[in-house]
C-alpha atoms as a PDB file:
ATOM      1  CA  UNK A   1      -6.515 -11.641   6.050  1.00  0.00           C
ATOM      2  CA  UNK A   2      -3.420 -11.399   3.908  1.00  0.00           C
ATOM      3  CA  UNK A   3      -4.014  -9.365   0.773  1.00  0.00           C
ATOM      4  CA  UNK A   4      -0.383  -8.680  -0.136  1.00  0.00           C
ATOM      5  CA  UNK A   5       1.474 -11.999  -0.215  1.00  0.00           C
ATOM      6  CA  UNK A   6      -0.001 -13.556  -3.361  1.00  0.00           C
ATOM      7  CA  UNK A   7       2.279 -16.080  -5.095  1.00  0.00           C
ATOM      8  CA  UNK A   8      -0.264 -16.587  -7.912  1.00  0.00           C
ATOM      9  CA  UNK A   9       0.249 -12.984  -9.033  1.00  0.00           C
ATOM     10  CA  UNK A  10       4.055 -12.923  -8.837  1.00  0.00           C
ATOM     11  CA  UNK A  11       4.618 -13.799 -12.490  1.00  0.00           C
ATOM     12  CA  UNK A  12       2.455 -10.897 -13.698  1.00  0.00           C
ATOM     13  CA  UNK A  13       3.948  -8.541 -11.101  1.00  0.00           C
ATOM     14  CA  UNK A  14       7.474  -9.431 -12.264  1.00  0.00           C
ATOM     15  CA  UNK A  15       6.369  -8.368 -15.755  1.00  0.00           C
ATOM     16  CA  UNK A  16       5.116  -5.057 -14.347  1.00  0.00           C
ATOM     17  CA  UNK A  17       1.394  -5.850 -14.529  1.00  0.00           C
ATOM     18  CA  UNK A  18      -1.386  -5.872 -11.944  1.00  0.00           C
ATOM     19  CA  UNK A  19      -3.648  -8.937 -11.979  1.00  0.00           C
ATOM     20  CA  UNK A  20      -7.425  -8.826 -11.963  1.00  0.00           C
ATOM     21  CA  UNK A  21      -7.506 -10.613  -8.588  1.00  0.00           C
ATOM     22  CA  UNK A  22      -5.257  -7.948  -7.041  1.00  0.00           C
ATOM     23  CA  UNK A  23      -7.431  -5.185  -8.519  1.00  0.00           C
ATOM     24  CA  UNK A  24     -10.564  -6.790  -7.063  1.00  0.00           C
ATOM     25  CA  UNK A  25      -8.917  -6.942  -3.617  1.00  0.00           C
ATOM     26  CA  UNK A  26      -8.147  -3.203  -3.805  1.00  0.00           C
ATOM     27  CA  UNK A  27     -11.649  -2.248  -4.940  1.00  0.00           C
ATOM     28  CA  UNK A  28     -12.856  -1.675  -1.355  1.00  0.00           C
ATOM     29  CA  UNK A  29     -10.552   1.322  -0.957  1.00  0.00           C
ATOM     30  CA  UNK A  30     -11.746   2.774  -4.254  1.00  0.00           C
ATOM     31  CA  UNK A  31     -15.370   2.455  -3.129  1.00  0.00           C
ATOM     32  CA  UNK A  32     -14.484   3.930   0.267  1.00  0.00           C
ATOM     33  CA  UNK A  33     -12.954   6.950  -1.505  1.00  0.00           C
ATOM     34  CA  UNK A  34     -15.890   7.213  -3.910  1.00  0.00           C
ATOM     35  CA  UNK A  35     -18.294   8.063  -1.085  1.00  0.00           C
ATOM     36  CA  UNK A  36     -16.815  11.479  -0.114  1.00  0.00           C
ATOM     37  CA  UNK A  37     -16.024  12.230  -3.763  1.00  0.00           C
ATOM     38  CA  UNK A  38     -19.627  11.655  -4.879  1.00  0.00           C
ATOM     39  CA  UNK A  39     -20.966  13.528  -1.842  1.00  0.00           C
ATOM     40  CA  UNK A  40     -18.815  16.534  -2.764  1.00  0.00           C
ATOM     41  CA  UNK A  41     -19.864  16.270  -6.401  1.00  0.00           C
ATOM     42  CA  UNK A  42     -23.547  16.186  -5.397  1.00  0.00           C
ATOM     43  CA  UNK A  43     -23.049  19.185  -3.128  1.00  0.00           C
ATOM     44  CA  UNK A  44     -21.383  21.133  -5.944  1.00  0.00           C
ATOM     45  CA  UNK A  45     -24.115  20.097  -8.392  1.00  0.00           C
ATOM     46  CA  UNK A  46     -26.854  21.177  -5.960  1.00  0.00           C
ATOM     47  CA  UNK A  47     -25.230  24.611  -5.613  1.00  0.00           C
ATOM     48  CA  UNK A  48     -24.992  25.097  -9.398  1.00  0.00           C
ATOM     49  CA  UNK A  49     -28.581  23.897  -9.875  1.00  0.00           C
ATOM     50  CA  UNK A  50     -29.871  26.272  -7.190  1.00  0.00           C
ATOM     51  CA  UNK A  51     -28.119  29.181  -8.921  1.00  0.00           C
ATOM     52  CA  UNK A  52     -29.572  28.293 -12.327  1.00  0.00           C
ATOM     53  CA  UNK A  53     -33.088  27.632 -10.985  1.00  0.00           C
ATOM     54  CA  UNK A  54     -32.964  30.796  -8.835  1.00  0.00           C
ATOM     55  CA  UNK A  55     -33.864  28.855  -5.680  1.00  0.00           C
ATOM     56  CA  UNK A  56     -30.765  29.875  -3.747  1.00  0.00           C
ATOM     57  CA  UNK A  57     -31.564  32.227  -0.849  1.00  0.00           C
ATOM     58  CA  UNK A  58     -28.804  34.222   0.785  1.00  0.00           C
ATOM     59  CA  UNK A  59     -25.445  35.589  -0.191  1.00  0.00           C
ATOM     60  CA  UNK A  60     -24.122  33.981  -3.358  1.00  0.00           C
ATOM     61  CA  UNK A  61     -20.502  34.729  -2.401  1.00  0.00           C
ATOM     62  CA  UNK A  62     -20.878  33.205   1.059  1.00  0.00           C
ATOM     63  CA  UNK A  63     -22.715  30.216  -0.421  1.00  0.00           C
ATOM     64  CA  UNK A  64     -20.043  29.763  -3.060  1.00  0.00           C
ATOM     65  CA  UNK A  65     -17.245  29.887  -0.500  1.00  0.00           C
ATOM     66  CA  UNK A  66     -18.939  27.432   1.848  1.00  0.00           C
ATOM     67  CA  UNK A  67     -20.567  25.021  -0.636  1.00  0.00           C
ATOM     68  CA  UNK A  68     -17.870  24.983  -3.277  1.00  0.00           C
ATOM     69  CA  UNK A  69     -15.055  24.943  -0.723  1.00  0.00           C
ATOM     70  CA  UNK A  70     -16.600  22.090   1.247  1.00  0.00           C
ATOM     71  CA  UNK A  71     -17.456  20.191  -1.966  1.00  0.00           C
ATOM     72  CA  UNK A  72     -13.907  20.535  -3.301  1.00  0.00           C
ATOM     73  CA  UNK A  73     -12.542  19.419   0.082  1.00  0.00           C
ATOM     74  CA  UNK A  74     -14.713  16.286   0.013  1.00  0.00           C
ATOM     75  CA  UNK A  75     -13.767  15.505  -3.584  1.00  0.00           C
ATOM     76  CA  UNK A  76     -10.066  15.957  -2.741  1.00  0.00           C
ATOM     77  CA  UNK A  77     -10.377  13.611   0.224  1.00  0.00           C
ATOM     78  CA  UNK A  78     -12.096  11.030  -2.001  1.00  0.00           C
ATOM     79  CA  UNK A  79      -9.306  11.369  -4.553  1.00  0.00           C
ATOM     80  CA  UNK A  80      -6.627  10.849  -1.906  1.00  0.00           C
ATOM     81  CA  UNK A  81      -8.374   7.769  -0.485  1.00  0.00           C
ATOM     82  CA  UNK A  82      -9.372   6.006  -3.688  1.00  0.00           C
ATOM     83  CA  UNK A  83      -8.726   8.185  -6.735  1.00  0.00           C
ATOM     84  CA  UNK A  84      -4.995   7.595  -7.113  1.00  0.00           C
ATOM     85  CA  UNK A  85      -5.593   3.912  -6.491  1.00  0.00           C
ATOM     86  CA  UNK A  86      -8.287   3.803  -9.182  1.00  0.00           C
ATOM     87  CA  UNK A  87      -5.929   5.452 -11.696  1.00  0.00           C
ATOM     88  CA  UNK A  88      -3.230   2.902 -10.810  1.00  0.00           C
ATOM     89  CA  UNK A  89      -5.711   0.054 -11.222  1.00  0.00           C
ATOM     90  CA  UNK A  90      -6.893   1.306 -14.619  1.00  0.00           C
ATOM     91  CA  UNK A  91      -3.320   1.685 -15.890  1.00  0.00           C
ATOM     92  CA  UNK A  92      -2.360  -1.692 -14.379  1.00  0.00           C
ATOM     93  CA  UNK A  93       1.326  -0.845 -13.932  1.00  0.00           C
ATOM     94  CA  UNK A  94       3.337  -2.357 -11.094  1.00  0.00           C
ATOM     95  CA  UNK A  95       6.783  -1.133 -10.037  1.00  0.00           C
ATOM     96  CA  UNK A  96       9.491  -3.026  -8.191  1.00  0.00           C
ATOM     97  CA  UNK A  97      11.842  -2.071  -5.386  1.00  0.00           C
ATOM     98  CA  UNK A  98      14.333  -4.407  -3.771  1.00  0.00           C
ATOM     99  CA  UNK A  99      15.880  -4.022  -0.355  1.00  0.00           C
ATOM    100  CA  UNK A 100      15.687  -4.959   3.273  1.00  0.00           C
ATOM    101  CA  UNK A 101      12.108  -5.154   4.509  1.00  0.00           C
ATOM    102  CA  UNK A 102      11.162  -3.799   7.913  1.00  0.00           C
ATOM    103  CA  UNK A 103       7.832  -3.745   9.743  1.00  0.00           C
ATOM    104  CA  UNK A 104       7.048  -0.968  12.203  1.00  0.00           C
ATOM    105  CA  UNK A 105       4.100   0.832  13.706  1.00  0.00           C
ATOM    106  CA  UNK A 106       3.614   4.474  14.627  1.00  0.00           C
ATOM    107  CA  UNK A 107       0.933   6.583  16.230  1.00  0.00           C
ATOM    108  CA  UNK A 108       0.649  10.327  16.396  1.00  0.00           C
ATOM    109  CA  UNK A 109       0.948  12.071  19.753  1.00  0.00           C
ATOM    110  CA  UNK A 110      -2.252  11.792  21.749  1.00  0.00           C
ATOM    111  CA  UNK A 111      -3.873   9.456  19.225  1.00  0.00           C
ATOM    112  CA  UNK A 112      -5.145   5.988  19.998  1.00  0.00           C
ATOM    113  CA  UNK A 113      -4.847   4.928  16.366  1.00  0.00           C
ATOM    114  CA  UNK A 114      -1.727   2.965  15.485  1.00  0.00           C
ATOM    115  CA  UNK A 115      -0.666   2.962  11.843  1.00  0.00           C
ATOM    116  CA  UNK A 116       1.145  -0.099  10.506  1.00  0.00           C
ATOM    117  CA  UNK A 117       3.973   0.342   7.993  1.00  0.00           C
ATOM    118  CA  UNK A 118       6.350  -1.771   5.943  1.00  0.00           C
ATOM    119  CA  UNK A 119       9.437  -0.166   4.459  1.00  0.00           C
ATOM    120  CA  UNK A 120      11.624  -1.441   1.660  1.00  0.00           C
ATOM    121  CA  UNK A 121      14.642   0.659   0.751  1.00  0.00           C
ATOM    122  CA  UNK A 122      13.558   4.314   0.658  1.00  0.00           C
ATOM    123  CA  UNK A 123       9.825   3.605   0.313  1.00  0.00           C
ATOM    124  CA  UNK A 124       7.365   3.075   3.138  1.00  0.00           C
ATOM    125  CA  UNK A 125       3.973   1.500   2.622  1.00  0.00           C
ATOM    126  CA  UNK A 126       1.013   1.801   4.958  1.00  0.00           C
ATOM    127  CA  UNK A 127      -0.488  -1.605   5.693  1.00  0.00           C
ATOM    128  CA  UNK A 128      -4.282  -1.515   6.104  1.00  0.00           C
ATOM    129  CA  UNK A 129      -4.844  -4.649   8.204  1.00  0.00           C
ATOM    130  CA  UNK A 130      -3.134  -6.311  11.147  1.00  0.00           C
ATOM    131  CA  UNK A 131      -3.460  -9.773   9.565  1.00  0.00           C
ATOM    132  CA  UNK A 132      -1.450  -8.648   6.572  1.00  0.00           C
ATOM    133  CA  UNK A 133       1.067  -6.868   8.806  1.00  0.00           C
ATOM    134  CA  UNK A 134       1.602 -10.044  10.837  1.00  0.00           C
ATOM    135  CA  UNK A 135       2.261 -12.129   7.704  1.00  0.00           C
ATOM    136  CA  UNK A 136       4.935  -9.793   6.293  1.00  0.00           C
ATOM    137  CA  UNK A 137       8.632 -10.726   6.450  1.00  0.00           C
ATOM    138  CA  UNK A 138      10.817  -8.638   8.732  1.00  0.00           C
ATOM    139  CA  UNK A 139      14.545  -8.011   8.125  1.00  0.00           C
ATOM    140  CA  UNK A 140      14.679 -10.035   4.924  1.00  0.00           C
ATOM    141  CA  UNK A 141      15.881  -8.898   1.551  1.00  0.00           C
ATOM    142  CA  UNK A 142      12.666  -8.659  -0.417  1.00  0.00           C
ATOM    143  CA  UNK A 143      11.264  -7.536  -3.721  1.00  0.00           C
ATOM    144  CA  UNK A 144       8.258  -5.326  -3.155  1.00  0.00           C
ATOM    145  CA  UNK A 145       5.785  -4.788  -5.975  1.00  0.00           C
ATOM    146  CA  UNK A 146       3.735  -1.603  -5.661  1.00  0.00           C
ATOM    147  CA  UNK A 147       1.471   0.750  -7.587  1.00  0.00           C
ATOM    148  CA  UNK A 148       3.437   3.883  -8.564  1.00  0.00           C
ATOM    149  CA  UNK A 149       0.949   6.732  -7.920  1.00  0.00           C
ATOM    150  CA  UNK A 150      -0.739   5.562  -4.749  1.00  0.00           C
ATOM    151  CA  UNK A 151       2.363   3.773  -3.374  1.00  0.00           C
ATOM    152  CA  UNK A 152       0.191   0.765  -2.518  1.00  0.00           C
ATOM    153  CA  UNK A 153       2.038  -2.472  -1.793  1.00  0.00           C
ATOM    154  CA  UNK A 154       0.461  -5.270  -3.863  1.00  0.00           C
ATOM    155  CA  UNK A 155       2.927  -8.156  -3.543  1.00  0.00           C
ATOM    156  CA  UNK A 156       6.075  -9.171  -1.747  1.00  0.00           C
ATOM    157  CA  UNK A 157       8.681 -11.763  -2.614  1.00  0.00           C
ATOM    158  CA  UNK A 158      11.505 -12.869  -0.328  1.00  0.00           C
ATOM    159  CA  UNK A 159      14.813 -13.235  -2.092  1.00  0.00           C
ATOM    160  CA  UNK A 160      17.365 -13.760   0.681  1.00  0.00           C
ATOM    161  CA  UNK A 161      17.379 -14.225   4.408  1.00  0.00           C
ATOM    162  CA  UNK A 162      20.079 -13.766   6.995  1.00  0.00           C
ATOM    163  CA  UNK A 163      20.829 -17.082   8.674  1.00  0.00           C
ATOM    164  CA  UNK A 164      21.713 -17.444  12.329  1.00  0.00           C
ATOM    165  CA  UNK A 165      25.412 -17.511  11.502  1.00  0.00           C
ATOM    166  CA  UNK A 166      25.313 -14.251   9.559  1.00  0.00           C
ATOM    167  CA  UNK A 167      25.529 -15.496   5.969  1.00  0.00           C
ATOM    168  CA  UNK A 168      22.886 -14.530   3.429  1.00  0.00           C
ATOM    169  CA  UNK A 169      21.167 -17.520   1.912  1.00  0.00           C
ATOM    170  CA  UNK A 170      18.788 -18.005  -0.931  1.00  0.00           C
ATOM    171  CA  UNK A 171      15.418 -19.440   0.141  1.00  0.00           C
ATOM    172  CA  UNK A 172      15.729 -22.015  -2.631  1.00  0.00           C
ATOM    173  CA  UNK A 173      18.596 -23.796  -0.821  1.00  0.00           C
ATOM    174  CA  UNK A 174      17.714 -27.053   0.822  1.00  0.00           C
ATOM    175  CA  UNK A 175      18.089 -27.828   4.522  1.00  0.00           C
ATOM    176  CA  UNK A 176      21.038 -30.212   4.038  1.00  0.00           C
ATOM    177  CA  UNK A 177      23.121 -27.522   2.352  1.00  0.00           C
ATOM    178  CA  UNK A 178      22.152 -25.078   5.099  1.00  0.00           C
ATOM    179  CA  UNK A 179      23.344 -27.572   7.731  1.00  0.00           C
ATOM    180  CA  UNK A 180      26.658 -28.106   5.884  1.00  0.00           C
ATOM    181  CA  UNK A 181      27.233 -24.333   5.755  1.00  0.00           C
ATOM    182  CA  UNK A 182      26.440 -24.029   9.467  1.00  0.00           C
ATOM    183  CA  UNK A 183      28.912 -26.838  10.325  1.00  0.00           C
ATOM    184  CA  UNK A 184      31.626 -25.242   8.160  1.00  0.00           C
ATOM    185  CA  UNK A 185      31.082 -21.912   9.916  1.00  0.00           C
ATOM    186  CA  UNK A 186      31.272 -23.601  13.339  1.00  0.00           C
ATOM    187  CA  UNK A 187      34.503 -25.366  12.332  1.00  0.00           C
ATOM    188  CA  UNK A 188      36.050 -22.065  11.193  1.00  0.00           C
ATOM    189  CA  UNK A 189      35.092 -20.438  14.502  1.00  0.00           C
ATOM    190  CA  UNK A 190      36.589 -23.398  16.400  1.00  0.00           C
ATOM    191  CA  UNK A 191      39.918 -23.145  14.508  1.00  0.00           C
ATOM    192  CA  UNK A 192      40.200 -19.420  15.207  1.00  0.00           C
END
């Protein structure tokens, strides 16, 4: 499934805004991050309640270190997974970067998990699904629209491509003009 290449949202993205359809597509990650966050919050709340109700048995310091530390860790993990994304979605701001797009994958040493990435200029974006990764343009000059805090890629627009004879061309050119340029290039090579 391709959740990044969305031509219907390009106009809003060019104006720096996230569309409702794009926000709905990203909602799964927010819900995925909400689970550990709410679990940590419940754990913290249980600890505070047990202190107030005097039902906590054992060392309060040890309980505070374990319960509060684990709860904060879970809430932090939830924030990293979905919290920054939720803030980006609520603000609705989209940023733009233009440059050469490149797909690549990487896995950590000894890990069976392969992470998929797409880089544009100095930014790299993690791509969550293989279907999306497969649909992305490689080695094209692209405009990438992304959410600023979570660095989530939300849309991609090709601007130029490198033709087989090395000249950049705009995708809006027709095939006849492309053929004329190719013939001119071949004639120049023949004369040299």
